[in-house]
Amino acid sequence: MSHPIPAHEFKPEPDTSYLLYCPEHGGWHVGEWWEMDGPGRWVLAFDVRHELHPSHVMPAPEDAMSITDVIRWAWVRQAPPAGHA
């Protein structure tokens, strides 16, 4: 898959990170499908307490950078600049 597909049509694999487009959360996020504490739900890859509601999903890139780098890249761009909390 090389393009986003609607989230309601996507069957996620466990323990796999995906790029999730979440309009109500400001755009693209790195997330995972979480089933540990009840019915499955999308959560941030680095904070399962933060639930996401994506409209579209696509695999996280494997060849361009590591998942850790993708998470760091996404997090830095979502955090407010220093001194602007």
N, C-alpha and C. Protein backbone atom coordinates (compact mmCIF):
# COMPACT_ATOMS: atom_id res chain seq x y z
N MET A 1 0.86 -1.18 0.00
CA MET A 1 0.00 0.00 0.00
C MET A 1 0.90 1.23 0.00
N SER A 2 0.68 2.12 -0.95
CA SER A 2 1.52 3.32 -1.04
C SER A 2 0.72 4.60 -0.87
N HIS A 3 -0.56 4.47 -0.57
CA HIS A 3 -1.38 5.66 -0.37
C HIS A 3 -2.31 5.41 0.82
N PRO A 4 -2.78 6.47 1.46
CA PRO A 4 -3.68 6.31 2.60
C PRO A 4 -4.98 5.64 2.19
N ILE A 5 -5.50 4.78 3.06
CA ILE A 5 -6.81 4.19 2.83
C ILE A 5 -7.71 4.54 4.00
N PRO A 6 -9.02 4.57 3.80
CA PRO A 6 -9.93 4.90 4.90
C PRO A 6 -9.72 3.95 6.08
N ALA A 7 -9.71 4.49 7.27
CA ALA A 7 -9.46 3.71 8.48
C ALA A 7 -10.48 2.60 8.66
N HIS A 8 -11.74 2.83 8.30
CA HIS A 8 -12.77 1.81 8.49
C HIS A 8 -12.59 0.61 7.55
N GLU A 9 -11.75 0.74 6.52
CA GLU A 9 -11.47 -0.35 5.60
C GLU A 9 -10.16 -1.07 5.93
N PHE A 10 -9.43 -0.59 6.90
CA PHE A 10 -8.08 -1.08 7.19
C PHE A 10 -8.09 -2.11 8.31
N LYS A 11 -7.39 -3.22 8.12
CA LYS A 11 -7.24 -4.25 9.16
C LYS A 11 -5.81 -4.18 9.68
N PRO A 12 -5.63 -3.60 10.89
CA PRO A 12 -4.27 -3.43 11.41
C PRO A 12 -3.66 -4.72 11.93
N GLU A 13 -2.35 -4.80 11.86
CA GLU A 13 -1.57 -5.89 12.44
C GLU A 13 -1.16 -5.47 13.85
N PRO A 14 -1.17 -6.40 14.80
CA PRO A 14 -0.71 -6.04 16.15
C PRO A 14 0.79 -5.76 16.16
N ASP A 15 1.21 -4.95 17.12
CA ASP A 15 2.63 -4.60 17.30
C ASP A 15 3.26 -4.00 16.05
N THR A 16 2.48 -3.22 15.32
CA THR A 16 2.97 -2.57 14.10
C THR A 16 2.59 -1.10 14.16
N SER A 17 3.54 -0.25 13.81
CA SER A 17 3.26 1.19 13.79
C SER A 17 2.78 1.61 12.41
N TYR A 18 1.84 2.55 12.41
CA TYR A 18 1.25 3.07 11.18
C TYR A 18 1.24 4.59 11.23
N LEU A 19 1.14 5.19 10.05
CA LEU A 19 0.88 6.63 9.98
C LEU A 19 -0.63 6.78 9.94
N LEU A 20 -1.15 7.57 10.85
CA LEU A 20 -2.59 7.77 10.99
C LEU A 20 -2.93 9.23 10.72
N TYR A 21 -3.86 9.47 9.81
CA TYR A 21 -4.31 10.84 9.57
C TYR A 21 -5.52 11.11 10.46
N CYS A 22 -5.35 12.03 11.40
CA CYS A 22 -6.38 12.35 12.39
C CYS A 22 -6.71 13.84 12.30
N PRO A 23 -7.70 14.22 11.51
CA PRO A 23 -8.02 15.64 11.33
C PRO A 23 -8.28 16.36 12.65
N GLU A 24 -8.99 15.71 13.58
CA GLU A 24 -9.30 16.39 14.84
C GLU A 24 -8.10 16.47 15.78
N HIS A 25 -7.00 15.79 15.45
CA HIS A 25 -5.78 15.86 16.25
C HIS A 25 -4.65 16.54 15.48
N GLY A 26 -4.98 17.28 14.44
CA GLY A 26 -4.00 18.12 13.77
C GLY A 26 -3.19 17.50 12.66
N GLY A 27 -3.56 16.32 12.16
CA GLY A 27 -2.83 15.78 11.01
C GLY A 27 -2.32 14.36 11.23
N TRP A 28 -1.12 14.12 10.74
CA TRP A 28 -0.52 12.78 10.78
C TRP A 28 0.13 12.48 12.12
N HIS A 29 -0.05 11.24 12.58
CA HIS A 29 0.55 10.75 13.82
C HIS A 29 1.04 9.33 13.61
N VAL A 30 2.01 8.91 14.41
CA VAL A 30 2.46 7.52 14.40
C VAL A 30 1.68 6.81 15.50
N GLY A 31 0.93 5.79 15.10
CA GLY A 31 0.09 5.09 16.06
C GLY A 31 0.10 3.59 15.87
N GLU A 32 -0.54 2.91 16.81
CA GLU A 32 -0.66 1.46 16.78
C GLU A 32 -2.08 1.07 17.17
N TRP A 33 -2.49 -0.12 16.73
CA TRP A 33 -3.77 -0.67 17.13
C TRP A 33 -3.56 -1.37 18.46
N TRP A 34 -4.28 -0.99 19.49
CA TRP A 34 -4.08 -1.46 20.86
C TRP A 34 -5.28 -2.27 21.31
N GLU A 35 -5.05 -3.50 21.76
CA GLU A 35 -6.13 -4.37 22.21
C GLU A 35 -5.90 -4.91 23.63
N MET A 36 -4.96 -4.35 24.36
CA MET A 36 -4.56 -4.89 25.66
C MET A 36 -5.59 -4.68 26.76
N ASP A 37 -6.36 -3.62 26.71
CA ASP A 37 -7.26 -3.28 27.82
C ASP A 37 -8.72 -3.17 27.39
N GLY A 38 -9.12 -3.98 26.44
CA GLY A 38 -10.51 -3.93 25.98
C GLY A 38 -10.59 -4.04 24.48
N PRO A 39 -11.68 -3.53 23.92
CA PRO A 39 -11.81 -3.57 22.46
C PRO A 39 -10.69 -2.76 21.81
N GLY A 40 -10.34 -3.14 20.61
CA GLY A 40 -9.24 -2.45 19.93
C GLY A 40 -9.50 -0.97 19.74
N ARG A 41 -8.40 -0.22 19.77
CA ARG A 41 -8.47 1.23 19.56
C ARG A 41 -7.13 1.71 19.05
N TRP A 42 -7.12 2.81 18.34
CA TRP A 42 -5.88 3.42 17.87
C TRP A 42 -5.31 4.31 18.97
N VAL A 43 -4.01 4.19 19.20
CA VAL A 43 -3.32 5.00 20.20
C VAL A 43 -2.00 5.51 19.63
N LEU A 44 -1.47 6.57 20.24
CA LEU A 44 -0.13 7.03 19.87
C LEU A 44 0.86 5.92 20.13
N ALA A 45 1.83 5.75 19.25
CA ALA A 45 2.81 4.67 19.39
C ALA A 45 3.63 4.79 20.66
N PHE A 46 3.83 5.99 21.17
CA PHE A 46 4.67 6.17 22.35
C PHE A 46 3.88 6.56 23.59
N ASP A 47 2.55 6.56 23.51
CA ASP A 47 1.72 6.88 24.68
C ASP A 47 0.34 6.28 24.49
N VAL A 48 0.14 5.05 24.98
CA VAL A 48 -1.13 4.34 24.77
C VAL A 48 -2.30 4.99 25.50
N ARG A 49 -2.02 5.95 26.36
CA ARG A 49 -3.10 6.67 27.05
C ARG A 49 -3.80 7.66 26.13
N HIS A 50 -3.15 7.99 25.01
CA HIS A 50 -3.68 8.99 24.08
C HIS A 50 -4.35 8.28 22.90
N GLU A 51 -5.68 8.23 22.91
CA GLU A 51 -6.44 7.57 21.85
C GLU A 51 -6.57 8.48 20.64
N LEU A 52 -6.48 7.87 19.46
CA LEU A 52 -6.59 8.60 18.20
C LEU A 52 -7.82 8.11 17.43
N HIS A 53 -8.33 8.97 16.56
CA HIS A 53 -9.49 8.64 15.74
C HIS A 53 -9.16 8.98 14.29
N PRO A 54 -8.39 8.09 13.63
CA PRO A 54 -7.94 8.40 12.27
C PRO A 54 -9.06 8.26 11.23
N SER A 55 -8.95 9.08 10.19
CA SER A 55 -9.83 8.92 9.04
C SER A 55 -9.13 8.06 7.98
N HIS A 56 -7.79 8.08 7.95
CA HIS A 56 -7.00 7.33 6.98
C HIS A 56 -5.76 6.73 7.65
N VAL A 57 -5.29 5.63 7.06
CA VAL A 57 -4.14 4.90 7.60
C VAL A 57 -3.21 4.51 6.46
N MET A 58 -1.92 4.48 6.74
CA MET A 58 -0.94 3.92 5.81
C MET A 58 0.26 3.40 6.61
N PRO A 59 1.00 2.44 6.06
CA PRO A 59 2.14 1.91 6.79
C PRO A 59 3.18 2.99 7.05
N ALA A 60 3.84 2.88 8.18
CA ALA A 60 4.96 3.78 8.46
C ALA A 60 6.11 3.38 7.54
N PRO A 61 6.89 4.33 7.05
CA PRO A 61 7.99 3.99 6.13
C PRO A 61 9.06 3.15 6.83
N GLU A 62 9.52 2.12 6.15
CA GLU A 62 10.58 1.28 6.70
C GLU A 62 11.93 1.62 6.09
N ASP A 63 11.95 2.02 4.84
CA ASP A 63 13.22 2.24 4.17
C ASP A 63 13.79 3.64 4.37
N ALA A 64 12.94 4.63 4.61
CA ALA A 64 13.42 6.00 4.74
C ALA A 64 14.07 6.29 6.09
N MET A 65 13.52 5.75 7.15
CA MET A 65 14.04 5.98 8.50
C MET A 65 13.44 4.94 9.43
N SER A 66 14.04 4.76 10.59
CA SER A 66 13.50 3.78 11.53
C SER A 66 12.21 4.30 12.15
N ILE A 67 11.42 3.40 12.70
CA ILE A 67 10.18 3.79 13.36
C ILE A 67 10.48 4.78 14.48
N THR A 68 11.56 4.55 15.22
CA THR A 68 11.92 5.49 16.29
C THR A 68 12.14 6.89 15.73
N ASP A 69 12.81 6.98 14.57
CA ASP A 69 13.03 8.28 13.95
C ASP A 69 11.72 8.90 13.48
N VAL A 70 10.79 8.09 12.97
CA VAL A 70 9.48 8.60 12.54
C VAL A 70 8.73 9.16 13.74
N ILE A 71 8.76 8.42 14.85
CA ILE A 71 8.08 8.88 16.07
C ILE A 71 8.70 10.20 16.54
N ARG A 72 10.02 10.26 16.61
CA ARG A 72 10.70 11.48 17.05
C ARG A 72 10.37 12.63 16.11
N TRP A 73 10.40 12.39 14.79
CA TRP A 73 10.10 13.42 13.81
C TRP A 73 8.68 13.96 14.00
N ALA A 74 7.70 13.05 14.18
CA ALA A 74 6.31 13.46 14.36
C ALA A 74 6.14 14.23 15.67
N TRP A 75 6.76 13.75 16.73
CA TRP A 75 6.61 14.38 18.05
C TRP A 75 7.17 15.80 18.04
N VAL A 76 8.36 16.00 17.47
CA VAL A 76 8.98 17.32 17.45
C VAL A 76 8.09 18.32 16.71
N ARG A 77 7.45 17.90 15.65
CA ARG A 77 6.61 18.81 14.86
C ARG A 77 5.26 19.08 15.50
N GLN A 78 4.85 18.25 16.46
CA GLN A 78 3.57 18.45 17.13
C GLN A 78 3.72 19.22 18.44
N ALA A 79 4.89 19.18 19.04
CA ALA A 79 5.10 19.87 20.31
C ALA A 79 5.18 21.37 20.04
N PRO A 80 4.62 22.20 20.94
CA PRO A 80 4.73 23.65 20.75
C PRO A 80 6.18 24.09 20.93
N PRO A 81 6.60 25.13 20.23
CA PRO A 81 7.96 25.63 20.40
C PRO A 81 8.24 25.98 21.87
N ALA A 82 9.48 25.89 22.26
CA ALA A 82 9.87 26.20 23.63
C ALA A 82 9.39 27.61 24.01
N GLY A 83 8.77 27.69 25.18
CA GLY A 83 8.26 28.97 25.65
C GLY A 83 6.89 29.34 25.13
N HIS A 84 6.25 28.43 24.37
CA HIS A 84 4.92 28.70 23.80
C HIS A 84 3.94 27.62 24.22
N ALA A 85 3.86 27.32 25.48
CA ALA A 85 2.97 26.25 25.95
C ALA A 85 1.51 26.63 25.87
